[in-house]
């Protein structure tokens, strides 16, 4: 059996929900990339995202696209469950799974 190993690509901060004039998407958030081993945020599309809140709850998601041209290093991530408002401003780990 092959086991999966996490390869940490970077860290970031949750900026807020993705929203429009009429609706808010609480399962999609903007993430500001603080540090990454990759040169471009476009290479993070498809990577997994892990958010922990102060109560110990863990939320799993995936980077779906880059917000804007990528020069501000902001990506959009989609989560399976809606994220509570308390996670805005909390840290995020971005990683890929590699088989060993």
Protein backbone atom coordinates (compact mmCIF):
# COMPACT_ATOMS: atom_id res chain seq x y z
CA UNK A 1 0.00 0.00 0.00
CA UNK A 2 1.20 3.47 -0.76
CA UNK A 3 0.77 6.09 1.91
CA UNK A 4 0.08 9.74 1.21
CA UNK A 5 2.54 12.36 2.43
CA UNK A 6 1.66 16.04 2.78
CA UNK A 7 3.96 18.42 0.93
CA UNK A 8 3.48 21.89 2.42
CA UNK A 9 3.36 24.48 -0.36
CA UNK A 10 2.69 27.57 1.71
CA UNK A 11 0.74 29.40 4.36
CA UNK A 12 -1.85 32.13 4.21
CA UNK A 13 -4.61 34.07 5.95
CA UNK A 14 -8.38 33.94 5.40
CA UNK A 15 -9.49 37.39 4.19
CA UNK A 16 -13.25 36.89 3.97
CA UNK A 17 -16.14 35.31 2.12
CA UNK A 18 -16.62 35.54 -1.61
CA UNK A 19 -19.74 37.61 -2.26
CA UNK A 20 -21.61 39.61 -4.87
CA UNK A 21 -24.33 42.26 -4.77
CA UNK A 22 -27.08 39.74 -4.08
CA UNK A 23 -25.54 36.76 -2.32
CA UNK A 24 -22.72 35.60 -0.10
CA UNK A 25 -20.94 32.26 -0.52
CA UNK A 26 -19.95 31.07 2.97
CA UNK A 27 -18.23 27.98 1.55
CA UNK A 28 -15.87 30.05 -0.65
CA UNK A 29 -13.25 32.35 0.85
CA UNK A 30 -10.42 34.59 -0.28
CA UNK A 31 -6.99 33.52 1.00
CA UNK A 32 -3.95 35.82 0.98
CA UNK A 33 -0.78 33.80 0.37
CA UNK A 34 1.92 34.87 2.83
CA UNK A 35 4.70 32.44 2.01
CA UNK A 36 5.03 29.81 -0.68
CA UNK A 37 7.73 27.69 -2.26
CA UNK A 38 6.19 28.29 -5.69
CA UNK A 39 6.80 31.41 -7.76
CA UNK A 40 3.25 31.95 -8.99
CA UNK A 41 -0.10 31.56 -7.21
CA UNK A 42 -1.42 29.98 -10.42
CA UNK A 43 0.53 26.84 -9.47
CA UNK A 44 -1.55 26.50 -6.27
CA UNK A 45 -4.80 25.76 -8.13
CA UNK A 46 -5.96 22.29 -7.10
CA UNK A 47 -3.97 22.26 -3.86
CA UNK A 48 -5.67 21.30 -0.62
CA UNK A 49 -6.34 23.83 2.15
CA UNK A 50 -6.54 23.21 5.89
CA UNK A 51 -8.05 25.74 8.33
CA UNK A 52 -8.20 25.30 12.10
CA UNK A 53 -10.28 27.51 14.35
CA UNK A 54 -9.61 28.33 17.99
CA UNK A 55 -11.94 25.55 19.20
CA UNK A 56 -9.95 22.85 17.41
CA UNK A 57 -12.35 22.33 14.50
CA UNK A 58 -10.65 21.51 11.20
CA UNK A 59 -12.03 22.53 7.80
CA UNK A 60 -10.76 21.01 4.54
CA UNK A 61 -10.99 22.70 1.17
CA UNK A 62 -9.34 23.14 -2.20
CA UNK A 63 -7.96 26.10 -4.15
CA UNK A 64 -10.24 26.59 -7.16
CA UNK A 65 -8.81 29.69 -8.83
CA UNK A 66 -6.64 32.78 -8.54
CA UNK A 67 -8.36 36.07 -7.71
CA UNK A 68 -7.35 38.66 -10.29
CA UNK A 69 -4.07 38.51 -12.16
CA UNK A 70 -2.14 36.90 -9.30
CA UNK A 71 0.17 39.78 -8.46
CA UNK A 72 -1.53 40.30 -5.07
CA UNK A 73 -1.23 36.57 -4.27
CA UNK A 74 -4.91 36.06 -3.42
CA UNK A 75 -6.65 32.78 -4.27
CA UNK A 76 -10.22 31.52 -3.88
CA UNK A 77 -10.77 28.27 -1.98
CA UNK A 78 -13.94 26.19 -1.77
CA UNK A 79 -14.78 24.17 1.34
CA UNK A 80 -17.15 21.24 1.78
CA UNK A 81 -18.90 22.82 4.76
CA UNK A 82 -19.62 26.49 5.25
CA UNK A 83 -16.94 28.27 7.25
CA UNK A 84 -17.94 30.20 10.38
CA UNK A 85 -17.17 33.90 10.50
CA UNK A 86 -14.74 33.34 13.37
CA UNK A 87 -12.13 31.85 10.99
CA UNK A 88 -11.69 35.15 9.13
CA UNK A 89 -8.14 36.26 9.91
CA UNK A 90 -6.95 32.80 10.95
CA UNK A 91 -3.98 31.01 9.39
CA UNK A 92 -4.21 28.48 6.58
CA UNK A 93 -1.93 25.64 5.45
CA UNK A 94 -1.78 24.87 1.72
CA UNK A 95 -0.42 21.48 0.69
CA UNK A 96 -0.50 18.70 -1.88
CA UNK A 97 -0.71 14.98 -1.21
CA UNK A 98 2.10 12.89 -2.67
CA UNK A 99 2.28 9.14 -2.64
CA UNK A 100 5.44 7.69 -1.19
